[in-house]
């Protein structure tokens, strides 16, 4: 996600594109500095279909 000043619509599109390419919400939090809730809300606002918990990068760990 770019660091330069961008419009909200551009941010929504960039977040959606990154998420659909496999980035997790937590990755997007780290790159934007925004809260988890903000990212989640913006993804929903942009029409993104959210993955279930764990996403495609989920690794099962023995307990």
N, C-alpha and C. Protein backbone atom coordinates (compact mmCIF):
# COMPACT_ATOMS: atom_id res chain seq x y z
N UNK A 1 0.87 -1.18 0.00
CA UNK A 1 0.00 0.00 0.00
C UNK A 1 0.90 1.23 0.00
N UNK A 2 0.59 2.18 -0.87
CA UNK A 2 1.41 3.39 -0.98
C UNK A 2 1.34 4.23 0.28
N UNK A 3 2.40 4.95 0.55
CA UNK A 3 2.47 5.83 1.71
C UNK A 3 2.03 7.26 1.38
N UNK A 4 1.99 7.62 0.07
CA UNK A 4 1.64 8.99 -0.29
C UNK A 4 0.17 9.27 0.01
N UNK A 5 -0.18 10.55 0.01
CA UNK A 5 -1.56 10.96 0.30
C UNK A 5 -2.48 10.48 -0.82
N UNK A 6 -3.45 9.65 -0.47
CA UNK A 6 -4.38 9.13 -1.47
C UNK A 6 -5.80 9.33 -0.97
N UNK A 7 -6.75 9.28 -1.89
CA UNK A 7 -8.14 9.44 -1.49
C UNK A 7 -8.64 8.16 -0.82
N UNK A 8 -9.74 8.29 -0.10
CA UNK A 8 -10.34 7.13 0.56
C UNK A 8 -10.71 6.06 -0.47
N UNK A 9 -11.27 6.49 -1.61
CA UNK A 9 -11.64 5.52 -2.65
C UNK A 9 -10.42 4.76 -3.15
N UNK A 10 -9.30 5.46 -3.32
CA UNK A 10 -8.07 4.80 -3.76
C UNK A 10 -7.59 3.82 -2.70
N UNK A 11 -7.69 4.22 -1.42
CA UNK A 11 -7.27 3.34 -0.34
C UNK A 11 -8.15 2.09 -0.31
N UNK A 12 -9.47 2.26 -0.45
CA UNK A 12 -10.37 1.10 -0.46
C UNK A 12 -9.98 0.14 -1.58
N UNK A 13 -9.70 0.68 -2.76
CA UNK A 13 -9.33 -0.17 -3.90
C UNK A 13 -8.00 -0.88 -3.64
N UNK A 14 -7.02 -0.16 -3.10
CA UNK A 14 -5.72 -0.78 -2.82
C UNK A 14 -5.84 -1.87 -1.76
N UNK A 15 -6.62 -1.60 -0.70
CA UNK A 15 -6.82 -2.61 0.34
C UNK A 15 -7.49 -3.85 -0.23
N UNK A 16 -8.53 -3.62 -1.03
CA UNK A 16 -9.25 -4.75 -1.63
C UNK A 16 -8.32 -5.57 -2.52
N UNK A 17 -7.56 -4.89 -3.37
CA UNK A 17 -6.65 -5.61 -4.27
C UNK A 17 -5.61 -6.41 -3.49
N UNK A 18 -5.03 -5.80 -2.46
CA UNK A 18 -4.02 -6.50 -1.66
C UNK A 18 -4.64 -7.71 -0.96
N UNK A 19 -5.82 -7.53 -0.39
CA UNK A 19 -6.50 -8.62 0.33
C UNK A 19 -6.83 -9.76 -0.64
N UNK A 20 -7.32 -9.41 -1.82
CA UNK A 20 -7.69 -10.44 -2.79
C UNK A 20 -6.46 -11.14 -3.37
N UNK A 21 -5.28 -10.52 -3.27
CA UNK A 21 -4.03 -11.17 -3.69
C UNK A 21 -3.45 -12.02 -2.57
N UNK A 22 -4.11 -12.04 -1.39
CA UNK A 22 -3.67 -12.93 -0.33
C UNK A 22 -3.20 -12.26 0.95
N UNK A 23 -3.10 -10.93 0.96
CA UNK A 23 -2.69 -10.25 2.20
C UNK A 23 -3.75 -10.46 3.27
N UNK A 24 -3.30 -10.62 4.51
CA UNK A 24 -4.26 -10.76 5.61
C UNK A 24 -4.64 -9.37 6.12
N UNK A 25 -5.73 -9.31 6.87
CA UNK A 25 -6.11 -8.03 7.48
C UNK A 25 -4.96 -7.56 8.37
N UNK A 26 -4.33 -8.47 9.11
CA UNK A 26 -3.21 -8.07 9.98
C UNK A 26 -2.03 -7.53 9.17
N UNK A 27 -1.77 -8.09 7.97
CA UNK A 27 -0.73 -7.53 7.10
C UNK A 27 -1.08 -6.10 6.72
N UNK A 28 -2.35 -5.88 6.38
CA UNK A 28 -2.80 -4.55 5.98
C UNK A 28 -2.72 -3.57 7.15
N UNK A 29 -3.01 -4.04 8.36
CA UNK A 29 -2.86 -3.21 9.56
C UNK A 29 -1.41 -2.76 9.69
N UNK A 30 -0.48 -3.70 9.51
CA UNK A 30 0.94 -3.40 9.65
C UNK A 30 1.43 -2.41 8.60
N UNK A 31 0.94 -2.53 7.37
CA UNK A 31 1.43 -1.66 6.30
C UNK A 31 0.77 -0.29 6.29
N UNK A 32 -0.44 -0.18 6.84
CA UNK A 32 -1.14 1.11 6.81
C UNK A 32 -1.09 1.87 8.12
N UNK A 33 -0.89 1.14 9.24
CA UNK A 33 -0.93 1.78 10.54
C UNK A 33 -2.35 2.01 11.05
N UNK A 34 -3.33 1.52 10.32
CA UNK A 34 -4.73 1.66 10.73
C UNK A 34 -5.11 0.48 11.62
N UNK A 35 -6.22 0.60 12.33
CA UNK A 35 -6.64 -0.47 13.24
C UNK A 35 -7.25 -1.64 12.47
N UNK A 36 -7.28 -2.80 13.13
CA UNK A 36 -7.89 -3.99 12.55
C UNK A 36 -9.34 -3.70 12.17
N UNK A 37 -10.07 -3.07 13.09
CA UNK A 37 -11.48 -2.76 12.83
C UNK A 37 -11.66 -1.83 11.64
N UNK A 38 -10.77 -0.85 11.50
CA UNK A 38 -10.85 0.07 10.36
C UNK A 38 -10.63 -0.65 9.05
N UNK A 39 -9.61 -1.51 9.01
CA UNK A 39 -9.33 -2.26 7.79
C UNK A 39 -10.51 -3.17 7.45
N UNK A 40 -11.02 -3.88 8.45
CA UNK A 40 -12.15 -4.78 8.24
C UNK A 40 -13.34 -4.01 7.67
N UNK A 41 -13.65 -2.86 8.26
CA UNK A 41 -14.77 -2.04 7.80
C UNK A 41 -14.56 -1.55 6.37
N UNK A 42 -13.34 -1.11 6.07
CA UNK A 42 -13.05 -0.61 4.72
C UNK A 42 -13.14 -1.72 3.68
N UNK A 43 -12.68 -2.92 4.04
CA UNK A 43 -12.79 -4.04 3.10
C UNK A 43 -14.26 -4.34 2.83
N UNK A 44 -15.08 -4.36 3.86
CA UNK A 44 -16.52 -4.61 3.68
C UNK A 44 -17.15 -3.50 2.85
N UNK A 45 -16.77 -2.26 3.14
CA UNK A 45 -17.30 -1.11 2.39
C UNK A 45 -16.95 -1.20 0.91
N UNK A 46 -15.77 -1.74 0.61
CA UNK A 46 -15.32 -1.84 -0.78
C UNK A 46 -15.95 -3.02 -1.52
N UNK A 47 -16.75 -3.83 -0.80
CA UNK A 47 -17.42 -4.96 -1.44
C UNK A 47 -16.59 -6.23 -1.47
N UNK A 48 -15.50 -6.24 -0.72
CA UNK A 48 -14.63 -7.41 -0.67
C UNK A 48 -15.33 -8.58 0.00
N UNK A 49 -15.19 -9.77 -0.57
CA UNK A 49 -15.66 -10.99 0.08
C UNK A 49 -14.57 -11.42 1.04
N UNK A 50 -14.87 -11.39 2.33
CA UNK A 50 -13.86 -11.72 3.33
C UNK A 50 -13.70 -13.23 3.47
N UNK A 51 -12.44 -13.64 3.64
CA UNK A 51 -12.14 -15.06 3.85
C UNK A 51 -12.50 -15.45 5.28
N UNK A 52 -12.65 -16.75 5.50
CA UNK A 52 -12.85 -17.24 6.86
C UNK A 52 -11.57 -17.08 7.65
N UNK A 53 -11.64 -17.31 8.93
CA UNK A 53 -10.46 -17.18 9.78
C UNK A 53 -9.35 -18.08 9.27
N UNK A 54 -8.15 -17.55 9.24
CA UNK A 54 -6.99 -18.34 8.82
C UNK A 54 -6.59 -18.07 7.38
N UNK A 55 -7.55 -17.78 6.52
CA UNK A 55 -7.24 -17.47 5.12
C UNK A 55 -6.43 -18.56 4.45
N UNK A 56 -5.89 -18.25 3.26
CA UNK A 56 -5.15 -19.26 2.50
C UNK A 56 -3.78 -19.57 3.09
N UNK A 57 -3.31 -18.71 3.99
CA UNK A 57 -1.97 -18.90 4.56
C UNK A 57 -2.02 -19.65 5.89
N UNK A 58 -3.21 -20.10 6.28
CA UNK A 58 -3.38 -20.75 7.58
C UNK A 58 -2.57 -22.04 7.66
N UNK A 59 -1.82 -22.18 8.73
CA UNK A 59 -1.03 -23.39 8.96
C UNK A 59 -1.53 -24.01 10.25
N UNK A 60 -1.96 -25.26 10.16
CA UNK A 60 -2.41 -25.94 11.38
C UNK A 60 -1.21 -26.24 12.25
N UNK A 61 -1.33 -25.95 13.52
CA UNK A 61 -0.24 -26.21 14.45
C UNK A 61 -0.69 -27.24 15.47
N UNK A 62 0.18 -28.16 15.81
CA UNK A 62 -0.19 -29.12 16.86
C UNK A 62 -0.37 -28.38 18.18
N UNK A 63 -1.31 -28.82 18.98
CA UNK A 63 -1.57 -28.15 20.27
C UNK A 63 -0.93 -28.89 21.39
